[in-house]
Protein backbone atom coordinates (compact mmCIF):
# COMPACT_ATOMS: atom_id res chain seq x y z
CA MET A 1 124.36 85.18 96.99
CA MET A 2 123.12 84.37 100.46
CA ASP A 3 124.75 81.90 102.80
CA SER A 4 124.26 80.97 106.41
CA ALA A 5 126.81 82.25 108.88
CA ALA A 6 126.00 79.35 111.21
CA ALA A 7 128.31 77.10 109.21
CA ALA A 8 131.21 79.44 110.03
CA GLY A 9 130.53 79.15 113.76
CA GLU A 10 128.66 82.45 113.97
CA SER A 11 125.07 83.03 115.05
CA ALA A 12 122.25 82.01 112.69
CA MET A 13 122.38 85.15 110.58
CA LYS A 14 121.77 85.44 106.85
CA CYS A 15 124.73 86.87 104.91
CA VAL A 16 124.36 88.61 101.57
CA ASN A 17 127.38 89.25 99.37
CA LEU A 18 126.68 92.47 97.47
CA GLY A 19 128.88 91.48 94.53
CA GLU A 20 126.71 88.46 93.78
CA ASP A 21 123.43 89.78 95.18
CA ALA A 22 120.45 88.59 93.23
CA MET A 23 118.10 89.50 96.09
CA GLY A 24 115.92 92.54 95.99
CA LEU A 25 115.21 94.90 98.84
CA GLY A 26 111.80 93.28 99.31
CA GLU A 27 113.39 89.92 100.04
CA LEU A 28 115.72 91.48 102.61
CA VAL A 29 112.75 93.17 104.30
CA ASP A 30 110.93 89.82 104.36
CA LEU A 31 113.89 88.29 106.21
CA LEU A 32 113.82 91.15 108.71
CA ARG A 33 110.08 90.75 109.18
CA ASP A 34 110.75 87.14 110.19
CA ASP A 35 113.05 88.45 112.99
CA GLU A 36 116.23 87.39 111.23
CA GLU A 37 119.35 89.52 111.10
CA VAL A 38 120.95 90.12 107.70
CA GLU A 39 124.63 90.83 107.21
CA LEU A 40 125.69 92.67 104.04
CA ARG A 41 129.16 91.86 102.77
CA ARG A 42 131.35 93.23 100.01
CA ASN A 43 134.28 91.07 98.92
CA GLY A 44 133.72 88.91 101.99
CA VAL A 45 133.99 91.86 104.41
CA THR A 46 130.94 92.76 106.50
CA ILE A 47 129.90 96.34 105.72
CA ALA A 48 126.48 96.46 107.36
CA ARG A 49 124.17 94.48 109.61
CA LEU A 50 120.42 94.88 109.25
CA VAL A 51 118.24 94.15 112.26
CA ARG A 52 114.53 94.54 112.79
CA SER A 53 113.53 97.76 114.49
CA SER A 54 112.29 97.37 118.03
CA ALA A 55 110.47 100.72 118.00
CA PRO A 56 106.69 100.36 117.86
CA THR A 57 104.88 101.72 114.83
CA LEU A 58 102.94 104.82 115.80
CA PHE A 59 99.62 105.62 114.17
CA PRO A 60 97.73 108.90 114.45
CA PRO A 61 94.78 108.76 116.86
CA ASP A 62 91.25 108.19 115.56
CA LEU A 63 89.53 111.58 115.71
CA SER A 64 86.11 110.54 114.41
CA ALA A 65 84.52 110.69 117.89
CA PHE A 66 86.00 114.15 118.47
CA ARG A 67 84.79 115.41 115.09
CA GLY A 68 81.28 114.25 115.96
CA THR A 69 81.22 116.62 118.96
CA LEU A 70 82.05 119.71 116.88
CA PRO A 71 79.13 121.98 115.94
CA VAL A 72 78.16 122.30 112.29
CA GLN A 73 79.14 125.70 110.90
CA PRO A 74 76.17 127.77 109.64
CA GLU A 75 78.07 129.13 106.65
CA SER A 76 80.69 127.89 104.24
CA ALA A 77 84.37 128.56 104.83
CA GLY A 78 84.48 130.84 101.79
CA GLU A 79 81.60 132.97 103.05
CA PHE A 80 83.18 133.15 106.50
CA MET A 81 86.47 134.40 105.04
CA ARG A 82 84.71 137.02 102.85
CA LYS A 83 82.92 138.40 105.92
CA LEU A 84 86.14 138.37 107.92
CA ARG A 85 87.99 140.34 105.23
CA LYS A 86 85.23 142.94 104.99
CA ARG A 87 85.50 143.82 108.68
CA GLU A 88 87.75 146.59 109.83
CA ARG A 89 91.16 145.29 110.65
CA TYR A 90 92.01 147.70 113.45
């Protein structure tokens, strides 16, 4: 069950009682996405507070331009490895 903590004189934070929780994780994440804080309670006692992360999401860089500058190999990787293994090692 979710109630508003604003009625109790606290900040406008959503409270979820785990004993009566009919919410799924997806609904809690939706609340966090909307910049709301969520307080998890068990038997009326706060056990956790969920807040939205302030860390930016990092994505790997786009390497397509770099890959375009690389020369095309004249032979397949398998053929290259066979030639490499045939050479003397020392």
